[in-house]
Amino acid sequence: MKETWKESWERSERKHRELQNRILAIPGSQRVLNRLTKQKKEQDHILSLLASAVGDQRSLWKAMRGKKRELESIANQLETVANHAQRIALDPTTYGSLWLAILGIGEWDRVKPAHTKAPFWIFDFMRLYVKNCRERATAFGELIRDFQPVQRRSMIDCLLLKAWIMTGKYHDKEIAFLLTNAFEAVGSNRVFTEDQIKKHRQRYVVPRIKEFLRSRTTFSAPDALRGDILPPYDSSPPVP
């Protein structure tokens, strides 16, 4: 029996929780989480972000690539069928009226040119659907190419931002360790270093924090970040 959307969602949630448990079971994960926060709710949030970074989304991209291939395949098949069907429709020997006339059973004035009988509107609609399938396949390809790297990066962005919001400090070393463990939990040997996470933070995360602080003049940055985020930093409201 086909799985319902609710069942699919519940299965996905179970897999997501199982992956979080595997990450937590790797030696050192709990110790590093405790450095970031003692609150279980916050730790669960970080674990969920880690699982999303390495697990759930990979299956989505795989499914999307599969649909892209399906669309390309049906477009190619349908175009071939449309071409063959049109060729047959334009062949006068595929109409009985010609054969009846040749055999002397029918009259020649009933033999019409093949192009007047061919259902071109059917072939046109088939080719329109071919075009539609190819456009959707192209859109999937562009989404996979352009958004997938952004989506992967966004999970790391969220981890770094979450750590900053919770503690007011950067935790490049801890995030690198947890990401390495998360990839290990899904069978990957990818290793993150503190320097990699620092460069990522400086390029993608710090500018967003700066923008956040600029847009909220009443928000006071943690002391540890003054001079790093908005040098020189002044949290006082502007003078009218």
C-alpha atoms as a PDB file:
ATOM      1  CA  MET A   1       0.000   0.000   0.000  1.00  0.00           C
ATOM      2  CA  LYS A   2       1.268   3.459  -0.908  1.00  0.00           C
ATOM      3  CA  GLU A   3       2.646   5.476   2.000  1.00  0.00           C
ATOM      4  CA  THR A   4       0.636   8.546   3.010  1.00  0.00           C
ATOM      5  CA  TRP A   5       2.203  11.971   3.464  1.00  0.00           C
ATOM      6  CA  LYS A   6       1.725  11.711   7.228  1.00  0.00           C
ATOM      7  CA  GLU A   7       3.422   8.317   7.331  1.00  0.00           C
ATOM      8  CA  SER A   8       6.242   9.620   5.167  1.00  0.00           C
ATOM      9  CA  TRP A   9       6.712  12.608   7.458  1.00  0.00           C
ATOM     10  CA  GLU A  10       6.688  10.412  10.570  1.00  0.00           C
ATOM     11  CA  ARG A  11       9.241   8.063   9.005  1.00  0.00           C
ATOM     12  CA  SER A  12      11.440  11.046   8.142  1.00  0.00           C
ATOM     13  CA  GLU A  13      11.170  12.337  11.695  1.00  0.00           C
ATOM     14  CA  ARG A  14      12.173   8.937  13.097  1.00  0.00           C
ATOM     15  CA  LYS A  15      15.230   8.822  10.842  1.00  0.00           C
ATOM     16  CA  HIS A  16      16.086  12.381  11.874  1.00  0.00           C
ATOM     17  CA  ARG A  17      15.941  11.472  15.575  1.00  0.00           C
ATOM     18  CA  GLU A  18      17.915   8.268  15.011  1.00  0.00           C
ATOM     19  CA  LEU A  19      20.662  10.242  13.313  1.00  0.00           C
ATOM     20  CA  GLN A  20      20.772  12.690  16.229  1.00  0.00           C
ATOM     21  CA  ASN A  21      21.178   9.749  18.605  1.00  0.00           C
ATOM     22  CA  ARG A  22      24.041   8.352  16.506  1.00  0.00           C
ATOM     23  CA  ILE A  23      25.794  11.727  16.591  1.00  0.00           C
ATOM     24  CA  LEU A  24      25.341  11.946  20.342  1.00  0.00           C
ATOM     25  CA  ALA A  25      26.701   8.401  20.786  1.00  0.00           C
ATOM     26  CA  ILE A  26      30.051   9.289  19.218  1.00  0.00           C
ATOM     27  CA  PRO A  27      32.649   9.902  21.961  1.00  0.00           C
ATOM     28  CA  GLY A  28      33.098  13.563  22.775  1.00  0.00           C
ATOM     29  CA  SER A  29      29.831  14.836  21.297  1.00  0.00           C
ATOM     30  CA  GLN A  30      28.047  15.252  24.633  1.00  0.00           C
ATOM     31  CA  ARG A  31      31.110  16.840  26.230  1.00  0.00           C
ATOM     32  CA  VAL A  32      31.374  19.455  23.471  1.00  0.00           C
ATOM     33  CA  LEU A  33      27.632  20.151  23.562  1.00  0.00           C
ATOM     34  CA  ASN A  34      27.980  20.829  27.287  1.00  0.00           C
ATOM     35  CA  ARG A  35      30.566  23.486  26.483  1.00  0.00           C
ATOM     36  CA  LEU A  36      28.013  25.285  24.341  1.00  0.00           C
ATOM     37  CA  THR A  37      25.038  25.006  26.691  1.00  0.00           C
ATOM     38  CA  LYS A  38      23.774  23.038  29.646  1.00  0.00           C
ATOM     39  CA  GLN A  39      20.146  23.315  28.538  1.00  0.00           C
ATOM     40  CA  LYS A  40      18.814  20.146  26.922  1.00  0.00           C
ATOM     41  CA  LYS A  41      16.413  22.075  24.686  1.00  0.00           C
ATOM     42  CA  GLU A  42      19.300  24.052  23.191  1.00  0.00           C
ATOM     43  CA  GLN A  43      21.398  20.916  22.787  1.00  0.00           C
ATOM     44  CA  ASP A  44      18.521  19.205  20.990  1.00  0.00           C
ATOM     45  CA  HIS A  45      18.289  22.170  18.624  1.00  0.00           C
ATOM     46  CA  ILE A  46      21.998  21.935  17.809  1.00  0.00           C
ATOM     47  CA  LEU A  47      21.718  18.179  17.249  1.00  0.00           C
ATOM     48  CA  SER A  48      18.783  18.737  14.900  1.00  0.00           C
ATOM     49  CA  LEU A  49      20.806  21.259  12.878  1.00  0.00           C
ATOM     50  CA  LEU A  50      23.720  18.822  12.702  1.00  0.00           C
ATOM     51  CA  ALA A  51      21.441  16.015  11.499  1.00  0.00           C
ATOM     52  CA  SER A  52      19.902  18.285   8.877  1.00  0.00           C
ATOM     53  CA  ALA A  53      23.359  19.293   7.649  1.00  0.00           C
ATOM     54  CA  VAL A  54      24.434  15.733   6.908  1.00  0.00           C
ATOM     55  CA  GLY A  55      21.375  13.545   6.620  1.00  0.00           C
ATOM     56  CA  ASP A  56      17.886  14.566   5.606  1.00  0.00           C
ATOM     57  CA  GLN A  57      18.700  16.922   2.762  1.00  0.00           C
ATOM     58  CA  ARG A  58      20.937  14.439   0.955  1.00  0.00           C
ATOM     59  CA  SER A  59      17.948  12.184   0.277  1.00  0.00           C
ATOM     60  CA  LEU A  60      15.964  15.149  -1.040  1.00  0.00           C
ATOM     61  CA  TRP A  61      18.648  16.069  -3.564  1.00  0.00           C
ATOM     62  CA  LYS A  62      18.929  12.427  -4.621  1.00  0.00           C
ATOM     63  CA  ALA A  63      15.159  12.259  -5.193  1.00  0.00           C
ATOM     64  CA  MET A  64      15.243  15.519  -7.140  1.00  0.00           C
ATOM     65  CA  ARG A  65      18.026  14.228  -9.407  1.00  0.00           C
ATOM     66  CA  GLY A  66      15.945  11.103  -9.992  1.00  0.00           C
ATOM     67  CA  LYS A  67      12.930  13.171 -11.058  1.00  0.00           C
ATOM     68  CA  LYS A  68      15.140  15.231 -13.356  1.00  0.00           C
ATOM     69  CA  ARG A  69      16.286  12.039 -15.089  1.00  0.00           C
ATOM     70  CA  GLU A  70      12.685  10.784 -15.335  1.00  0.00           C
ATOM     71  CA  LEU A  71      11.550  14.001 -16.994  1.00  0.00           C
ATOM     72  CA  GLU A  72      14.424  13.900 -19.471  1.00  0.00           C
ATOM     73  CA  SER A  73      13.694  10.267 -20.264  1.00  0.00           C
ATOM     74  CA  ILE A  74       9.962  10.734 -20.885  1.00  0.00           C
ATOM     75  CA  ALA A  75      10.693  13.823 -22.995  1.00  0.00           C
ATOM     76  CA  ASN A  76      13.068  11.829 -25.205  1.00  0.00           C
ATOM     77  CA  GLN A  77      10.667   8.901 -25.486  1.00  0.00           C
ATOM     78  CA  LEU A  78       7.651  11.071 -26.239  1.00  0.00           C
ATOM     79  CA  GLU A  79       9.545  13.069 -28.854  1.00  0.00           C
ATOM     80  CA  THR A  80      10.543   9.820 -30.577  1.00  0.00           C
ATOM     81  CA  VAL A  81       6.925   8.599 -30.518  1.00  0.00           C
ATOM     82  CA  ALA A  82       5.656  11.948 -31.870  1.00  0.00           C
ATOM     83  CA  ASN A  83       8.156  11.848 -34.735  1.00  0.00           C
ATOM     84  CA  HIS A  84       7.303   8.249 -35.638  1.00  0.00           C
ATOM     85  CA  ALA A  85       3.562   8.905 -35.371  1.00  0.00           C
ATOM     86  CA  GLN A  86       3.807  11.924 -37.637  1.00  0.00           C
ATOM     87  CA  ARG A  87       5.882   9.987 -40.163  1.00  0.00           C
ATOM     88  CA  ILE A  88       3.245   7.251 -40.274  1.00  0.00           C
ATOM     89  CA  ALA A  89       0.433   9.814 -40.509  1.00  0.00           C
ATOM     90  CA  LEU A  90       2.092  11.399 -43.555  1.00  0.00           C
ATOM     91  CA  ASP A  91       2.584   8.063 -45.309  1.00  0.00           C
ATOM     92  CA  PRO A  92      -0.307   7.653 -47.811  1.00  0.00           C
ATOM     93  CA  THR A  93       0.082   3.884 -47.786  1.00  0.00           C
ATOM     94  CA  THR A  94      -1.155   3.763 -44.187  1.00  0.00           C
ATOM     95  CA  TYR A  95      -4.698   4.763 -45.293  1.00  0.00           C
ATOM     96  CA  GLY A  96      -7.195   2.200 -46.532  1.00  0.00           C
ATOM     97  CA  SER A  97      -8.719   4.503 -49.152  1.00  0.00           C
ATOM     98  CA  LEU A  98      -5.557   4.316 -51.273  1.00  0.00           C
ATOM     99  CA  TRP A  99      -5.437   0.516 -51.123  1.00  0.00           C
ATOM    100  CA  LEU A 100      -9.129   0.222 -51.978  1.00  0.00           C
ATOM    101  CA  ALA A 101      -8.570   2.404 -55.039  1.00  0.00           C
ATOM    102  CA  ILE A 102      -5.504   0.386 -56.085  1.00  0.00           C
ATOM    103  CA  LEU A 103      -7.511  -2.839 -55.735  1.00  0.00           C
ATOM    104  CA  GLY A 104     -10.348  -1.360 -57.771  1.00  0.00           C
ATOM    105  CA  ILE A 105     -12.758  -1.581 -54.894  1.00  0.00           C
ATOM    106  CA  GLY A 106     -12.830   2.082 -54.015  1.00  0.00           C
ATOM    107  CA  GLU A 107     -12.842   5.290 -56.020  1.00  0.00           C
ATOM    108  CA  TRP A 108      -9.778   7.489 -56.581  1.00  0.00           C
ATOM    109  CA  ASP A 109     -11.617  10.679 -55.812  1.00  0.00           C
ATOM    110  CA  ARG A 110     -11.928   9.449 -52.244  1.00  0.00           C
ATOM    111  CA  VAL A 111      -8.142   9.249 -51.886  1.00  0.00           C
ATOM    112  CA  LYS A 112      -7.044  12.404 -50.112  1.00  0.00           C
ATOM    113  CA  PRO A 113      -3.482  13.688 -49.563  1.00  0.00           C
ATOM    114  CA  ALA A 114      -2.051  12.292 -46.337  1.00  0.00           C
ATOM    115  CA  HIS A 115      -1.328  15.728 -44.876  1.00  0.00           C
ATOM    116  CA  THR A 116      -5.050  16.546 -44.925  1.00  0.00           C
ATOM    117  CA  LYS A 117      -5.784  13.544 -42.708  1.00  0.00           C
ATOM    118  CA  ALA A 118      -2.819  13.658 -40.320  1.00  0.00           C
ATOM    119  CA  PRO A 119      -3.838  14.765 -36.788  1.00  0.00           C
ATOM    120  CA  PHE A 120      -1.103  17.383 -36.417  1.00  0.00           C
ATOM    121  CA  TRP A 121      -2.779  18.838 -33.335  1.00  0.00           C
ATOM    122  CA  ILE A 122      -2.002  15.628 -31.452  1.00  0.00           C
ATOM    123  CA  PHE A 123       1.653  15.767 -32.440  1.00  0.00           C
ATOM    124  CA  ASP A 124       1.803  19.452 -31.504  1.00  0.00           C
ATOM    125  CA  PHE A 125       0.387  18.719 -28.050  1.00  0.00           C
ATOM    126  CA  MET A 126       2.866  15.871 -27.597  1.00  0.00           C
ATOM    127  CA  ARG A 127       5.749  18.194 -28.462  1.00  0.00           C
ATOM    128  CA  LEU A 128       4.384  20.854 -26.117  1.00  0.00           C
ATOM    129  CA  TYR A 129       4.506  18.325 -23.297  1.00  0.00           C
ATOM    130  CA  VAL A 130       8.031  17.352 -24.371  1.00  0.00           C
ATOM    131  CA  LYS A 131       8.995  21.032 -24.068  1.00  0.00           C
ATOM    132  CA  ASN A 132       7.307  21.257 -20.679  1.00  0.00           C
ATOM    133  CA  CYS A 133       9.167  18.192 -19.366  1.00  0.00           C
ATOM    134  CA  ARG A 134      12.503  19.512 -20.574  1.00  0.00           C
ATOM    135  CA  GLU A 135      11.889  22.903 -19.001  1.00  0.00           C
ATOM    136  CA  ARG A 136      11.081  21.272 -15.658  1.00  0.00           C
ATOM    137  CA  ALA A 137      14.162  19.049 -15.906  1.00  0.00           C
ATOM    138  CA  THR A 138      16.276  22.126 -16.609  1.00  0.00           C
ATOM    139  CA  ALA A 139      14.744  23.905 -13.616  1.00  0.00           C
ATOM    140  CA  PHE A 140      15.569  20.921 -11.373  1.00  0.00           C
ATOM    141  CA  GLY A 141      19.129  20.955 -12.686  1.00  0.00           C
ATOM    142  CA  GLU A 142      19.527  24.672 -11.985  1.00  0.00           C
ATOM    143  CA  LEU A 143      18.093  24.250  -8.499  1.00  0.00           C
ATOM    144  CA  ILE A 144      20.466  21.376  -7.727  1.00  0.00           C
ATOM    145  CA  ARG A 145      23.447  23.272  -9.132  1.00  0.00           C
ATOM    146  CA  ASP A 146      22.744  26.680  -7.602  1.00  0.00           C
ATOM    147  CA  PHE A 147      20.868  26.036  -4.361  1.00  0.00           C
ATOM    148  CA  GLN A 148      22.439  22.814  -3.073  1.00  0.00           C
ATOM    149  CA  PRO A 149      25.743  24.485  -2.067  1.00  0.00           C
ATOM    150  CA  VAL A 150      23.796  27.327  -0.445  1.00  0.00           C
ATOM    151  CA  GLN A 151      21.608  24.877   1.456  1.00  0.00           C
ATOM    152  CA  ARG A 152      24.622  22.951   2.749  1.00  0.00           C
ATOM    153  CA  ARG A 153      26.321  26.166   3.796  1.00  0.00           C
ATOM    154  CA  SER A 154      23.151  27.445   5.461  1.00  0.00           C
ATOM    155  CA  MET A 155      23.152  24.584   7.949  1.00  0.00           C
ATOM    156  CA  ILE A 156      26.663  25.516   9.079  1.00  0.00           C
ATOM    157  CA  ASP A 157      25.595  29.174   9.185  1.00  0.00           C
ATOM    158  CA  CYS A 158      22.708  28.218  11.463  1.00  0.00           C
ATOM    159  CA  LEU A 159      25.013  26.269  13.776  1.00  0.00           C
ATOM    160  CA  LEU A 160      27.418  29.177  14.121  1.00  0.00           C
ATOM    161  CA  LEU A 161      24.628  31.692  14.603  1.00  0.00           C
ATOM    162  CA  LYS A 162      22.944  29.480  17.182  1.00  0.00           C
ATOM    163  CA  ALA A 163      26.179  29.168  19.151  1.00  0.00           C
ATOM    164  CA  TRP A 164      26.696  32.938  18.991  1.00  0.00           C
ATOM    165  CA  ILE A 165      23.135  33.693  20.099  1.00  0.00           C
ATOM    166  CA  MET A 166      23.371  31.244  23.015  1.00  0.00           C
ATOM    167  CA  THR A 167      26.787  32.258  24.343  1.00  0.00           C
ATOM    168  CA  GLY A 168      27.802  35.554  22.752  1.00  0.00           C
ATOM    169  CA  LYS A 169      31.004  33.860  21.618  1.00  0.00           C
ATOM    170  CA  TYR A 170      32.313  32.027  18.589  1.00  0.00           C
ATOM    171  CA  HIS A 171      32.873  28.302  18.937  1.00  0.00           C
ATOM    172  CA  ASP A 172      34.715  27.416  15.738  1.00  0.00           C
ATOM    173  CA  LYS A 173      36.594  24.509  17.295  1.00  0.00           C
ATOM    174  CA  GLU A 174      33.491  22.988  18.856  1.00  0.00           C
ATOM    175  CA  ILE A 175      31.406  23.349  15.676  1.00  0.00           C
ATOM    176  CA  ALA A 176      34.196  21.745  13.623  1.00  0.00           C
ATOM    177  CA  PHE A 177      34.306  18.803  16.037  1.00  0.00           C
ATOM    178  CA  LEU A 178      30.537  18.310  16.032  1.00  0.00           C
ATOM    179  CA  LEU A 179      30.278  18.519  12.230  1.00  0.00           C
ATOM    180  CA  THR A 180      33.039  15.921  11.885  1.00  0.00           C
ATOM    181  CA  ASN A 181      31.118  13.628  14.239  1.00  0.00           C
ATOM    182  CA  ALA A 182      27.887  14.250  12.353  1.00  0.00           C
ATOM    183  CA  PHE A 183      29.443  13.161   9.062  1.00  0.00           C
ATOM    184  CA  GLU A 184      30.938  10.139  10.806  1.00  0.00           C
ATOM    185  CA  ALA A 185      27.425   9.213  11.955  1.00  0.00           C
ATOM    186  CA  VAL A 186      26.319   8.908   8.307  1.00  0.00           C
ATOM    187  CA  GLY A 187      29.404   6.936   7.282  1.00  0.00           C
ATOM    188  CA  SER A 188      31.462   9.796   5.867  1.00  0.00           C
ATOM    189  CA  ASN A 189      35.069  10.480   6.836  1.00  0.00           C
ATOM    190  CA  ARG A 190      34.870  14.203   6.121  1.00  0.00           C
ATOM    191  CA  VAL A 191      36.857  16.163   8.689  1.00  0.00           C
ATOM    192  CA  PHE A 192      36.331  19.826   9.578  1.00  0.00           C
ATOM    193  CA  THR A 193      39.048  21.968  11.110  1.00  0.00           C
ATOM    194  CA  GLU A 194      38.808  25.001  13.343  1.00  0.00           C
ATOM    195  CA  ASP A 195      40.455  27.115  10.636  1.00  0.00           C
ATOM    196  CA  GLN A 196      37.889  26.011   8.018  1.00  0.00           C
ATOM    197  CA  ILE A 197      34.997  26.967  10.271  1.00  0.00           C
ATOM    198  CA  LYS A 198      36.647  30.288  11.137  1.00  0.00           C
ATOM    199  CA  LYS A 199      37.042  31.199   7.457  1.00  0.00           C
ATOM    200  CA  HIS A 200      33.445  30.137   6.795  1.00  0.00           C
ATOM    201  CA  ARG A 201      32.220  32.264   9.709  1.00  0.00           C
ATOM    202  CA  GLN A 202      34.178  35.326   8.628  1.00  0.00           C
ATOM    203  CA  ARG A 203      32.921  35.082   5.060  1.00  0.00           C
ATOM    204  CA  TYR A 204      29.271  34.153   5.524  1.00  0.00           C
ATOM    205  CA  VAL A 205      28.168  34.601   9.140  1.00  0.00           C
ATOM    206  CA  VAL A 206      29.854  37.716  10.506  1.00  0.00           C
ATOM    207  CA  PRO A 207      28.430  39.948   7.715  1.00  0.00           C
ATOM    208  CA  ARG A 208      24.938  38.760   8.628  1.00  0.00           C
ATOM    209  CA  ILE A 209      25.544  39.494  12.310  1.00  0.00           C
ATOM    210  CA  LYS A 210      26.787  42.970  11.356  1.00  0.00           C
ATOM    211  CA  GLU A 211      23.669  43.599   9.330  1.00  0.00           C
ATOM    212  CA  PHE A 212      21.520  42.379  12.212  1.00  0.00           C
ATOM    213  CA  LEU A 213      23.212  44.747  14.641  1.00  0.00           C
ATOM    214  CA  ARG A 214      22.966  47.706  12.267  1.00  0.00           C
ATOM    215  CA  SER A 215      19.237  47.170  11.843  1.00  0.00           C
ATOM    216  CA  ARG A 216      18.627  47.057  15.611  1.00  0.00           C
ATOM    217  CA  THR A 217      20.205  50.022  17.361  1.00  0.00           C
ATOM    218  CA  THR A 218      18.891  48.919  20.755  1.00  0.00           C
ATOM    219  CA  PHE A 219      20.550  45.494  20.545  1.00  0.00           C
ATOM    220  CA  SER A 220      23.717  45.358  22.630  1.00  0.00           C
ATOM    221  CA  ALA A 221      26.397  43.026  21.275  1.00  0.00           C
ATOM    222  CA  PRO A 222      28.150  40.785  23.820  1.00  0.00           C
ATOM    223  CA  ASP A 223      31.355  42.302  25.188  1.00  0.00           C
ATOM    224  CA  ALA A 224      33.383  39.518  23.573  1.00  0.00           C
ATOM    225  CA  LEU A 225      32.264  40.678  20.138  1.00  0.00           C
ATOM    226  CA  ARG A 226      32.792  44.422  20.477  1.00  0.00           C
ATOM    227  CA  GLY A 227      35.486  45.522  18.081  1.00  0.00           C
ATOM    228  CA  ASP A 228      34.985  42.328  16.064  1.00  0.00           C
ATOM    229  CA  ILE A 229      31.476  42.909  14.745  1.00  0.00           C
ATOM    230  CA  LEU A 230      31.104  46.664  14.445  1.00  0.00           C
ATOM    231  CA  PRO A 231      34.356  48.483  15.250  1.00  0.00           C
ATOM    232  CA  PRO A 232      34.106  50.919  16.911  1.00  0.00           C
ATOM    233  CA  TYR A 233      30.889  49.606  18.483  1.00  0.00           C
ATOM    234  CA  ASP A 234      28.326  51.949  19.998  1.00  0.00           C
ATOM    235  CA  SER A 235      25.017  50.491  21.142  1.00  0.00           C
ATOM    236  CA  SER A 236      23.533  53.832  22.174  1.00  0.00           C
ATOM    237  CA  PRO A 237      20.584  55.124  20.091  1.00  0.00           C
ATOM    238  CA  PRO A 238      21.292  57.819  17.512  1.00  0.00           C
ATOM    239  CA  VAL A 239      21.010  61.414  18.673  1.00  0.00           C
ATOM    240  CA  PRO A 240      17.886  63.102  17.201  1.00  0.00           C
END
